[in-house]
Amino acid sequence: MPSLRATFPLLLATALAASPALAADAANGERIAKRWCAECHVVAPGQTSAKADAPPFATIAARNGTSVPLDKFLLNPHPKMPDMQLSRGEVADIVAYIATLKK
């Protein structure tokens, strides 16, 4: 009988392959954006104030894919943007929300 040490990598790989990938939650991304991003960006239709030099999320949605992927940018923000210590799941949710704004 094989030892646990020998079979653990196979068991782990099987468990990871069997578990469904978590889908990004755009509604949660909207909540996060309204809480953390709305001070600087227009994050939703109807929002009336934001900083002039921060692009609205709809603009980001329209140009997404033209430079650094949005998820990578949010995990390593530029100096003007605060590092909010977002988890990969939160970033995926925000990216999913921004994608809903694409026209």
PDB file of N, CA and C in Angstrom:
ATOM      1  N   MET A   1       0.839  -1.173   0.000  1.00  0.00           N
ATOM      2  CA  MET A   1       0.000   0.000   0.000  1.00  0.00           C
ATOM      3  C   MET A   1       0.886   1.239   0.000  1.00  0.00           C
ATOM      4  N   PRO A   2       0.608   2.217  -0.907  1.00  0.00           N
ATOM      5  CA  PRO A   2       1.453   3.412  -0.963  1.00  0.00           C
ATOM      6  C   PRO A   2       1.275   4.269   0.283  1.00  0.00           C
ATOM      7  N   SER A   3       2.322   4.986   0.620  1.00  0.00           N
ATOM      8  CA  SER A   3       2.257   5.860   1.792  1.00  0.00           C
ATOM      9  C   SER A   3       1.451   7.119   1.475  1.00  0.00           C
ATOM     10  N   LEU A   4       0.988   7.763   2.523  1.00  0.00           N
ATOM     11  CA  LEU A   4       0.238   9.012   2.358  1.00  0.00           C
ATOM     12  C   LEU A   4       1.099  10.060   1.674  1.00  0.00           C
ATOM     13  N   ARG A   5       2.374  10.104   2.017  1.00  0.00           N
ATOM     14  CA  ARG A   5       3.296  11.070   1.412  1.00  0.00           C
ATOM     15  C   ARG A   5       3.365  10.862  -0.093  1.00  0.00           C
ATOM     16  N   ALA A   6       3.339   9.647  -0.537  1.00  0.00           N
ATOM     17  CA  ALA A   6       3.421   9.362  -1.967  1.00  0.00           C
ATOM     18  C   ALA A   6       2.115   9.670  -2.682  1.00  0.00           C
ATOM     19  N   THR A   7       0.985   9.471  -2.005  1.00  0.00           N
ATOM     20  CA  THR A   7      -0.307   9.667  -2.671  1.00  0.00           C
ATOM     21  C   THR A   7      -0.895  11.056  -2.481  1.00  0.00           C
ATOM     22  N   PHE A   8      -0.357  11.855  -1.554  1.00  0.00           N
ATOM     23  CA  PHE A   8      -0.928  13.174  -1.284  1.00  0.00           C
ATOM     24  C   PHE A   8      -0.968  14.074  -2.518  1.00  0.00           C
ATOM     25  N   PRO A   9       0.113  14.182  -3.300  1.00  0.00           N
ATOM     26  CA  PRO A   9       0.027  15.039  -4.482  1.00  0.00           C
ATOM     27  C   PRO A   9      -1.082  14.615  -5.449  1.00  0.00           C
ATOM     28  N   LEU A  10      -1.269  13.327  -5.613  1.00  0.00           N
ATOM     29  CA  LEU A  10      -2.332  12.837  -6.486  1.00  0.00           C
ATOM     30  C   LEU A  10      -3.709  13.162  -5.911  1.00  0.00           C
ATOM     31  N   LEU A  11      -3.883  12.992  -4.606  1.00  0.00           N
ATOM     32  CA  LEU A  11      -5.151  13.323  -3.964  1.00  0.00           C
ATOM     33  C   LEU A  11      -5.452  14.817  -4.075  1.00  0.00           C
ATOM     34  N   LEU A  12      -4.443  15.652  -3.870  1.00  0.00           N
ATOM     35  CA  LEU A  12      -4.616  17.095  -3.971  1.00  0.00           C
ATOM     36  C   LEU A  12      -4.996  17.501  -5.394  1.00  0.00           C
ATOM     37  N   ALA A  13      -4.302  16.970  -6.362  1.00  0.00           N
ATOM     38  CA  ALA A  13      -4.596  17.287  -7.764  1.00  0.00           C
ATOM     39  C   ALA A  13      -6.003  16.851  -8.136  1.00  0.00           C
ATOM     40  N   THR A  14      -6.427  15.691  -7.660  1.00  0.00           N
ATOM     41  CA  THR A  14      -7.767  15.193  -7.941  1.00  0.00           C
ATOM     42  C   THR A  14      -8.821  16.089  -7.299  1.00  0.00           C
ATOM     43  N   ALA A  15      -8.586  16.514  -6.066  1.00  0.00           N
ATOM     44  CA  ALA A  15      -9.540  17.386  -5.373  1.00  0.00           C
ATOM     45  C   ALA A  15      -9.647  18.733  -6.071  1.00  0.00           C
ATOM     46  N   LEU A  16      -8.537  19.290  -6.484  1.00  0.00           N
ATOM     47  CA  LEU A  16      -8.560  20.583  -7.171  1.00  0.00           C
ATOM     48  C   LEU A  16      -9.245  20.479  -8.523  1.00  0.00           C
ATOM     49  N   ALA A  17      -9.013  19.409  -9.228  1.00  0.00           N
ATOM     50  CA  ALA A  17      -9.645  19.222 -10.534  1.00  0.00           C
ATOM     51  C   ALA A  17     -11.145  19.004 -10.388  1.00  0.00           C
ATOM     52  N   ALA A  18     -11.566  18.379  -9.307  1.00  0.00           N
ATOM     53  CA  ALA A  18     -12.982  18.072  -9.111  1.00  0.00           C
ATOM     54  C   ALA A  18     -13.775  19.269  -8.622  1.00  0.00           C
ATOM     55  N   SER A  19     -13.106  20.234  -7.953  1.00  0.00           N
ATOM     56  CA  SER A  19     -13.846  21.378  -7.427  1.00  0.00           C
ATOM     57  C   SER A  19     -14.115  22.372  -8.537  1.00  0.00           C
ATOM     58  N   PRO A  20     -15.347  22.868  -8.628  1.00  0.00           N
ATOM     59  CA  PRO A  20     -15.669  23.817  -9.685  1.00  0.00           C
ATOM     60  C   PRO A  20     -14.977  25.147  -9.450  1.00  0.00           C
ATOM     61  N   ALA A  21     -14.590  25.806 -10.526  1.00  0.00           N
ATOM     62  CA  ALA A  21     -13.976  27.120 -10.421  1.00  0.00           C
ATOM     63  C   ALA A  21     -15.036  28.109  -9.935  1.00  0.00           C
ATOM     64  N   LEU A  22     -14.628  28.994  -9.076  1.00  0.00           N
ATOM     65  CA  LEU A  22     -15.555  29.985  -8.576  1.00  0.00           C
ATOM     66  C   LEU A  22     -15.756  31.059  -9.630  1.00  0.00           C
ATOM     67  N   ALA A  23     -16.987  31.354  -9.927  1.00  0.00           N
ATOM     68  CA  ALA A  23     -17.300  32.387 -10.902  1.00  0.00           C
ATOM     69  C   ALA A  23     -17.229  33.743 -10.219  1.00  0.00           C
ATOM     70  N   ALA A  24     -16.788  34.735 -10.966  1.00  0.00           N
ATOM     71  CA  ALA A  24     -16.738  36.084 -10.431  1.00  0.00           C
ATOM     72  C   ALA A  24     -18.164  36.589 -10.219  1.00  0.00           C
ATOM     73  N   ASP A  25     -18.350  37.401  -9.212  1.00  0.00           N
ATOM     74  CA  ASP A  25     -19.661  37.911  -8.825  1.00  0.00           C
ATOM     75  C   ASP A  25     -19.715  39.414  -9.117  1.00  0.00           C
ATOM     76  N   ALA A  26     -20.332  39.787 -10.243  1.00  0.00           N
ATOM     77  CA  ALA A  26     -20.399  41.193 -10.652  1.00  0.00           C
ATOM     78  C   ALA A  26     -21.156  42.040  -9.632  1.00  0.00           C
ATOM     79  N   ALA A  27     -22.189  41.495  -9.010  1.00  0.00           N
ATOM     80  CA  ALA A  27     -22.943  42.254  -8.007  1.00  0.00           C
ATOM     81  C   ALA A  27     -22.059  42.580  -6.804  1.00  0.00           C
ATOM     82  N   ASN A  28     -21.248  41.637  -6.387  1.00  0.00           N
ATOM     83  CA  ASN A  28     -20.308  41.906  -5.301  1.00  0.00           C
ATOM     84  C   ASN A  28     -19.262  42.914  -5.764  1.00  0.00           C
ATOM     85  N   GLY A  29     -18.823  42.804  -7.011  1.00  0.00           N
ATOM     86  CA  GLY A  29     -17.871  43.774  -7.551  1.00  0.00           C
ATOM     87  C   GLY A  29     -18.429  45.183  -7.527  1.00  0.00           C
ATOM     88  N   GLU A  30     -19.719  45.321  -7.829  1.00  0.00           N
ATOM     89  CA  GLU A  30     -20.360  46.642  -7.763  1.00  0.00           C
ATOM     90  C   GLU A  30     -20.355  47.163  -6.326  1.00  0.00           C
ATOM     91  N   ARG A  31     -20.673  46.303  -5.359  1.00  0.00           N
ATOM     92  CA  ARG A  31     -20.665  46.725  -3.946  1.00  0.00           C
ATOM     93  C   ARG A  31     -19.272  47.168  -3.520  1.00  0.00           C
ATOM     94  N   ILE A  32     -18.250  46.398  -3.909  1.00  0.00           N
ATOM     95  CA  ILE A  32     -16.874  46.754  -3.556  1.00  0.00           C
ATOM     96  C   ILE A  32     -16.501  48.083  -4.203  1.00  0.00           C
ATOM     97  N   ALA A  33     -16.842  48.241  -5.480  1.00  0.00           N
ATOM     98  CA  ALA A  33     -16.513  49.473  -6.203  1.00  0.00           C
ATOM     99  C   ALA A  33     -17.180  50.680  -5.564  1.00  0.00           C
ATOM    100  N   LYS A  34     -18.438  50.544  -5.185  1.00  0.00           N
ATOM    101  CA  LYS A  34     -19.140  51.662  -4.554  1.00  0.00           C
ATOM    102  C   LYS A  34     -18.520  52.016  -3.209  1.00  0.00           C
ATOM    103  N   ARG A  35     -18.013  51.005  -2.531  1.00  0.00           N
ATOM    104  CA  ARG A  35     -17.414  51.254  -1.214  1.00  0.00           C
ATOM    105  C   ARG A  35     -16.001  51.828  -1.319  1.00  0.00           C
ATOM    106  N   TRP A  36     -15.171  51.260  -2.196  1.00  0.00           N
ATOM    107  CA  TRP A  36     -13.759  51.602  -2.213  1.00  0.00           C
ATOM    108  C   TRP A  36     -13.323  52.496  -3.376  1.00  0.00           C
ATOM    109  N   CYS A  37     -14.072  52.510  -4.466  1.00  0.00           N
ATOM    110  CA  CYS A  37     -13.596  53.191  -5.678  1.00  0.00           C
ATOM    111  C   CYS A  37     -14.346  54.481  -5.999  1.00  0.00           C
ATOM    112  N   ALA A  38     -15.566  54.625  -5.456  1.00  0.00           N
ATOM    113  CA  ALA A  38     -16.438  55.735  -5.845  1.00  0.00           C
ATOM    114  C   ALA A  38     -15.946  57.096  -5.377  1.00  0.00           C
ATOM    115  N   GLU A  39     -15.033  57.129  -4.438  1.00  0.00           N
ATOM    116  CA  GLU A  39     -14.488  58.420  -4.011  1.00  0.00           C
ATOM    117  C   GLU A  39     -13.722  59.091  -5.153  1.00  0.00           C
ATOM    118  N   CYS A  40     -13.096  58.287  -5.993  1.00  0.00           N
ATOM    119  CA  CYS A  40     -12.292  58.817  -7.088  1.00  0.00           C
ATOM    120  C   CYS A  40     -12.932  58.606  -8.464  1.00  0.00           C
ATOM    121  N   HIS A  41     -13.553  57.445  -8.683  1.00  0.00           N
ATOM    122  CA  HIS A  41     -14.107  57.073  -9.994  1.00  0.00           C
ATOM    123  C   HIS A  41     -15.627  57.141  -9.985  1.00  0.00           C
ATOM    124  N   VAL A  42     -16.209  57.449 -11.131  1.00  0.00           N
ATOM    125  CA  VAL A  42     -17.640  57.223 -11.311  1.00  0.00           C
ATOM    126  C   VAL A  42     -17.763  55.726 -11.578  1.00  0.00           C
ATOM    127  N   VAL A  43     -18.388  55.026 -10.649  1.00  0.00           N
ATOM    128  CA  VAL A  43     -18.438  53.565 -10.756  1.00  0.00           C
ATOM    129  C   VAL A  43     -19.793  53.048 -11.222  1.00  0.00           C
ATOM    130  N   ALA A  44     -20.816  53.909 -11.181  1.00  0.00           N
ATOM    131  CA  ALA A  44     -22.160  53.462 -11.553  1.00  0.00           C
ATOM    132  C   ALA A  44     -22.915  54.602 -12.214  1.00  0.00           C
ATOM    133  N   PRO A  45     -23.826  54.262 -13.105  1.00  0.00           N
ATOM    134  CA  PRO A  45     -24.665  55.304 -13.699  1.00  0.00           C
ATOM    135  C   PRO A  45     -25.391  56.069 -12.588  1.00  0.00           C
ATOM    136  N   GLY A  46     -25.494  57.354 -12.752  1.00  0.00           N
ATOM    137  CA  GLY A  46     -26.179  58.168 -11.752  1.00  0.00           C
ATOM    138  C   GLY A  46     -25.258  58.776 -10.718  1.00  0.00           C
ATOM    139  N   GLN A  47     -24.034  58.286 -10.599  1.00  0.00           N
ATOM    140  CA  GLN A  47     -23.092  58.888  -9.653  1.00  0.00           C
ATOM    141  C   GLN A  47     -22.697  60.252 -10.191  1.00  0.00           C
ATOM    142  N   THR A  48     -22.718  61.262  -9.357  1.00  0.00           N
ATOM    143  CA  THR A  48     -22.514  62.627  -9.841  1.00  0.00           C
ATOM    144  C   THR A  48     -21.162  63.231  -9.531  1.00  0.00           C
ATOM    145  N   SER A  49     -20.382  62.635  -8.660  1.00  0.00           N
ATOM    146  CA  SER A  49     -19.093  63.249  -8.351  1.00  0.00           C
ATOM    147  C   SER A  49     -17.982  62.218  -8.333  1.00  0.00           C
ATOM    148  N   ALA A  50     -16.812  62.690  -8.724  1.00  0.00           N
ATOM    149  CA  ALA A  50     -15.589  61.879  -8.709  1.00  0.00           C
ATOM    150  C   ALA A  50     -14.435  62.816  -9.004  1.00  0.00           C
ATOM    151  N   LYS A  51     -13.232  62.321  -8.883  1.00  0.00           N
ATOM    152  CA  LYS A  51     -12.061  63.124  -9.218  1.00  0.00           C
ATOM    153  C   LYS A  51     -11.937  63.220 -10.733  1.00  0.00           C
ATOM    154  N   ALA A  52     -11.548  64.386 -11.199  1.00  0.00           N
ATOM    155  CA  ALA A  52     -11.478  64.636 -12.642  1.00  0.00           C
ATOM    156  C   ALA A  52     -10.452  63.755 -13.340  1.00  0.00           C
ATOM    157  N   ASP A  53      -9.365  63.406 -12.664  1.00  0.00           N
ATOM    158  CA  ASP A  53      -8.305  62.637 -13.325  1.00  0.00           C
ATOM    159  C   ASP A  53      -8.471  61.125 -13.203  1.00  0.00           C
ATOM    160  N   ALA A  54      -9.546  60.669 -12.571  1.00  0.00           N
ATOM    161  CA  ALA A  54      -9.810  59.229 -12.447  1.00  0.00           C
ATOM    162  C   ALA A  54     -10.881  58.844 -13.460  1.00  0.00           C
ATOM    163  N   PRO A  55     -10.554  57.946 -14.383  1.00  0.00           N
ATOM    164  CA  PRO A  55     -11.536  57.608 -15.428  1.00  0.00           C
ATOM    165  C   PRO A  55     -12.761  56.902 -14.858  1.00  0.00           C
ATOM    166  N   PRO A  56     -13.926  57.201 -15.428  1.00  0.00           N
ATOM    167  CA  PRO A  56     -15.133  56.467 -15.025  1.00  0.00           C
ATOM    168  C   PRO A  56     -14.996  54.983 -15.370  1.00  0.00           C
ATOM    169  N   PHE A  57     -15.667  54.138 -14.612  1.00  0.00           N
ATOM    170  CA  PHE A  57     -15.602  52.701 -14.874  1.00  0.00           C
ATOM    171  C   PHE A  57     -16.112  52.354 -16.268  1.00  0.00           C
ATOM    172  N   ALA A  58     -17.095  53.101 -16.783  1.00  0.00           N
ATOM    173  CA  ALA A  58     -17.595  52.827 -18.133  1.00  0.00           C
ATOM    174  C   ALA A  58     -16.500  53.067 -19.171  1.00  0.00           C
ATOM    175  N   THR A  59     -15.665  54.072 -18.949  1.00  0.00           N
ATOM    176  CA  THR A  59     -14.537  54.341 -19.849  1.00  0.00           C
ATOM    177  C   THR A  59     -13.508  53.222 -19.754  1.00  0.00           C
ATOM    178  N   ILE A  60     -13.253  52.774 -18.543  1.00  0.00           N
ATOM    179  CA  ILE A  60     -12.319  51.659 -18.343  1.00  0.00           C
ATOM    180  C   ILE A  60     -12.857  50.414 -19.047  1.00  0.00           C
ATOM    181  N   ALA A  61     -14.159  50.175 -18.935  1.00  0.00           N
ATOM    182  CA  ALA A  61     -14.777  49.011 -19.582  1.00  0.00           C
ATOM    183  C   ALA A  61     -14.612  49.082 -21.093  1.00  0.00           C
ATOM    184  N   ALA A  62     -14.777  50.272 -21.661  1.00  0.00           N
ATOM    185  CA  ALA A  62     -14.690  50.439 -23.114  1.00  0.00           C
ATOM    186  C   ALA A  62     -13.285  50.208 -23.637  1.00  0.00           C
ATOM    187  N   ARG A  63     -12.281  50.536 -22.846  1.00  0.00           N
ATOM    188  CA  ARG A  63     -10.907  50.381 -23.323  1.00  0.00           C
ATOM    189  C   ARG A  63     -10.184  49.175 -22.740  1.00  0.00           C
ATOM    190  N   ASN A  64     -10.843  48.399 -21.881  1.00  0.00           N
ATOM    191  CA  ASN A  64     -10.204  47.230 -21.282  1.00  0.00           C
ATOM    192  C   ASN A  64      -9.705  46.280 -22.368  1.00  0.00           C
ATOM    193  N   GLY A  65      -8.512  45.778 -22.185  1.00  0.00           N
ATOM    194  CA  GLY A  65      -7.917  44.865 -23.155  1.00  0.00           C
ATOM    195  C   GLY A  65      -6.923  45.567 -24.064  1.00  0.00           C
ATOM    196  N   THR A  66      -6.791  46.885 -23.903  1.00  0.00           N
ATOM    197  CA  THR A  66      -5.869  47.615 -24.774  1.00  0.00           C
ATOM    198  C   THR A  66      -4.477  47.746 -24.184  1.00  0.00           C
ATOM    199  N   SER A  67      -4.313  47.486 -22.901  1.00  0.00           N
ATOM    200  CA  SER A  67      -2.987  47.562 -22.281  1.00  0.00           C
ATOM    201  C   SER A  67      -2.854  46.455 -21.254  1.00  0.00           C
ATOM    202  N   VAL A  68      -2.457  46.787 -20.050  1.00  0.00           N
ATOM    203  CA  VAL A  68      -2.304  45.792 -18.989  1.00  0.00           C
ATOM    204  C   VAL A  68      -3.685  45.240 -18.632  1.00  0.00           C
ATOM    205  N   PRO A  69      -3.830  43.913 -18.528  1.00  0.00           N
ATOM    206  CA  PRO A  69      -5.123  43.362 -18.115  1.00  0.00           C
ATOM    207  C   PRO A  69      -5.576  43.986 -16.792  1.00  0.00           C
ATOM    208  N   LEU A  70      -6.856  44.268 -16.710  1.00  0.00           N
ATOM    209  CA  LEU A  70      -7.400  44.988 -15.563  1.00  0.00           C
ATOM    210  C   LEU A  70      -7.142  44.283 -14.244  1.00  0.00           C
ATOM    211  N   ASP A  71      -7.253  42.968 -14.214  1.00  0.00           N
ATOM    212  CA  ASP A  71      -7.022  42.262 -12.953  1.00  0.00           C
ATOM    213  C   ASP A  71      -5.586  42.426 -12.483  1.00  0.00           C
ATOM    214  N   LYS A  72      -4.643  42.378 -13.390  1.00  0.00           N
ATOM    215  CA  LYS A  72      -3.237  42.565 -13.002  1.00  0.00           C
ATOM    216  C   LYS A  72      -2.996  43.994 -12.520  1.00  0.00           C
ATOM    217  N   PHE A  73      -3.632  44.965 -13.178  1.00  0.00           N
ATOM    218  CA  PHE A  73      -3.501  46.356 -12.765  1.00  0.00           C
ATOM    219  C   PHE A  73      -4.039  46.552 -11.347  1.00  0.00           C
ATOM    220  N   LEU A  74      -5.192  45.982 -11.043  1.00  0.00           N
ATOM    221  CA  LEU A  74      -5.787  46.164  -9.721  1.00  0.00           C
ATOM    222  C   LEU A  74      -5.000  45.470  -8.622  1.00  0.00           C
ATOM    223  N   LEU A  75      -4.301  44.406  -8.960  1.00  0.00           N
ATOM    224  CA  LEU A  75      -3.475  43.724  -7.955  1.00  0.00           C
ATOM    225  C   LEU A  75      -2.165  44.462  -7.707  1.00  0.00           C
ATOM    226  N   ASN A  76      -1.746  45.311  -8.674  1.00  0.00           N
ATOM    227  CA  ASN A  76      -0.518  46.099  -8.559  1.00  0.00           C
ATOM    228  C   ASN A  76      -0.810  47.527  -9.008  1.00  0.00           C
ATOM    229  N   PRO A  77      -1.562  48.304  -8.200  1.00  0.00           N
ATOM    230  CA  PRO A  77      -2.014  49.616  -8.644  1.00  0.00           C
ATOM    231  C   PRO A  77      -0.877  50.625  -8.824  1.00  0.00           C
ATOM    232  N   HIS A  78      -1.153  51.628  -9.671  1.00  0.00           N
ATOM    233  CA  HIS A  78      -0.176  52.684  -9.903  1.00  0.00           C
ATOM    234  C   HIS A  78      -0.102  53.597  -8.682  1.00  0.00           C
ATOM    235  N   PRO A  79       0.925  54.450  -8.616  1.00  0.00           N
ATOM    236  CA  PRO A  79       1.125  55.268  -7.412  1.00  0.00           C
ATOM    237  C   PRO A  79      -0.044  56.178  -7.031  1.00  0.00           C
ATOM    238  N   LYS A  80      -0.812  56.697  -7.993  1.00  0.00           N
ATOM    239  CA  LYS A  80      -1.938  57.568  -7.643  1.00  0.00           C
ATOM    240  C   LYS A  80      -3.074  56.796  -6.988  1.00  0.00           C
ATOM    241  N   MET A  81      -3.137  55.505  -7.243  1.00  0.00           N
ATOM    242  CA  MET A  81      -4.226  54.705  -6.707  1.00  0.00           C
ATOM    243  C   MET A  81      -3.765  54.015  -5.427  1.00  0.00           C
ATOM    244  N   PRO A  82      -4.556  54.090  -4.363  1.00  0.00           N
ATOM    245  CA  PRO A  82      -4.135  53.429  -3.120  1.00  0.00           C
ATOM    246  C   PRO A  82      -4.149  51.912  -3.261  1.00  0.00           C
ATOM    247  N   ASP A  83      -3.261  51.257  -2.552  1.00  0.00           N
ATOM    248  CA  ASP A  83      -3.246  49.797  -2.526  1.00  0.00           C
ATOM    249  C   ASP A  83      -4.273  49.361  -1.485  1.00  0.00           C
ATOM    250  N   MET A  84      -5.407  48.866  -1.945  1.00  0.00           N
ATOM    251  CA  MET A  84      -6.500  48.511  -1.043  1.00  0.00           C
ATOM    252  C   MET A  84      -6.393  47.085  -0.533  1.00  0.00           C
ATOM    253  N   GLN A  85      -5.322  46.395  -0.911  1.00  0.00           N
ATOM    254  CA  GLN A  85      -5.116  45.023  -0.448  1.00  0.00           C
ATOM    255  C   GLN A  85      -6.299  44.132  -0.816  1.00  0.00           C
ATOM    256  N   LEU A  86      -6.753  44.248  -2.074  1.00  0.00           N
ATOM    257  CA  LEU A  86      -7.869  43.426  -2.546  1.00  0.00           C
ATOM    258  C   LEU A  86      -7.418  41.987  -2.757  1.00  0.00           C
ATOM    259  N   SER A  87      -8.284  41.069  -2.436  1.00  0.00           N
ATOM    260  CA  SER A  87      -7.992  39.660  -2.704  1.00  0.00           C
ATOM    261  C   SER A  87      -8.195  39.395  -4.194  1.00  0.00           C
ATOM    262  N   ARG A  88      -7.685  38.290  -4.679  1.00  0.00           N
ATOM    263  CA  ARG A  88      -7.886  37.928  -6.093  1.00  0.00           C
ATOM    264  C   ARG A  88      -9.380  37.779  -6.400  1.00  0.00           C
ATOM    265  N   GLY A  89     -10.143  37.256  -5.466  1.00  0.00           N
ATOM    266  CA  GLY A  89     -11.578  37.108  -5.660  1.00  0.00           C
ATOM    267  C   GLY A  89     -12.278  38.456  -5.766  1.00  0.00           C
ATOM    268  N   GLU A  90     -11.893  39.391  -4.910  1.00  0.00           N
ATOM    269  CA  GLU A  90     -12.478  40.733  -4.969  1.00  0.00           C
ATOM    270  C   GLU A  90     -12.125  41.417  -6.285  1.00  0.00           C
ATOM    271  N   VAL A  91     -10.878  41.262  -6.722  1.00  0.00           N
ATOM    272  CA  VAL A  91     -10.461  41.831  -8.004  1.00  0.00           C
ATOM    273  C   VAL A  91     -11.284  41.215  -9.137  1.00  0.00           C
ATOM    274  N   ALA A  92     -11.455  39.897  -9.106  1.00  0.00           N
ATOM    275  CA  ALA A  92     -12.249  39.228 -10.150  1.00  0.00           C
ATOM    276  C   ALA A  92     -13.677  39.751 -10.148  1.00  0.00           C
ATOM    277  N   ASP A  93     -14.219  40.004  -8.969  1.00  0.00           N
ATOM    278  CA  ASP A  93     -15.577  40.534  -8.876  1.00  0.00           C
ATOM    279  C   ASP A  93     -15.658  41.947  -9.456  1.00  0.00           C
ATOM    280  N   ILE A  94     -14.687  42.791  -9.149  1.00  0.00           N
ATOM    281  CA  ILE A  94     -14.672  44.159  -9.694  1.00  0.00           C
ATOM    282  C   ILE A  94     -14.525  44.123 -11.210  1.00  0.00           C
ATOM    283  N   VAL A  95     -13.642  43.290 -11.711  1.00  0.00           N
ATOM    284  CA  VAL A  95     -13.453  43.160 -13.161  1.00  0.00           C
ATOM    285  C   VAL A  95     -14.751  42.683 -13.815  1.00  0.00           C
ATOM    286  N   ALA A  96     -15.435  41.735 -13.184  1.00  0.00           N
ATOM    287  CA  ALA A  96     -16.716  41.253 -13.722  1.00  0.00           C
ATOM    288  C   ALA A  96     -17.743  42.380 -13.745  1.00  0.00           C
ATOM    289  N   TYR A  97     -17.763  43.202 -12.703  1.00  0.00           N
ATOM    290  CA  TYR A  97     -18.687  44.335 -12.675  1.00  0.00           C
ATOM    291  C   TYR A  97     -18.352  45.328 -13.785  1.00  0.00           C
ATOM    292  N   ILE A  98     -17.089  45.667 -13.929  1.00  0.00           N
ATOM    293  CA  ILE A  98     -16.682  46.617 -14.971  1.00  0.00           C
ATOM    294  C   ILE A  98     -17.089  46.083 -16.344  1.00  0.00           C
ATOM    295  N   ALA A  99     -16.967  44.782 -16.545  1.00  0.00           N
ATOM    296  CA  ALA A  99     -17.347  44.183 -17.832  1.00  0.00           C
ATOM    297  C   ALA A  99     -18.834  44.389 -18.122  1.00  0.00           C
ATOM    298  N   THR A 100     -19.661  44.482 -17.085  1.00  0.00           N
ATOM    299  CA  THR A 100     -21.089  44.707 -17.317  1.00  0.00           C
ATOM    300  C   THR A 100     -21.362  46.112 -17.823  1.00  0.00           C
ATOM    301  N   LEU A 101     -20.412  47.017 -17.682  1.00  0.00           N
ATOM    302  CA  LEU A 101     -20.582  48.403 -18.110  1.00  0.00           C
ATOM    303  C   LEU A 101     -20.140  48.627 -19.551  1.00  0.00           C
ATOM    304  N   LYS A 102     -19.561  47.589 -20.148  1.00  0.00           N
ATOM    305  CA  LYS A 102     -19.069  47.714 -21.526  1.00  0.00           C
ATOM    306  C   LYS A 102     -20.245  47.795 -22.487  1.00  0.00           C
ATOM    307  N   LYS A 103     -20.157  48.765 -23.387  1.00  0.00           N
ATOM    308  CA  LYS A 103     -21.256  48.945 -24.358  1.00  0.00           C
ATOM    309  C   LYS A 103     -20.900  48.360 -25.701  1.00  0.00           C
TER     310      LYS A 103
END
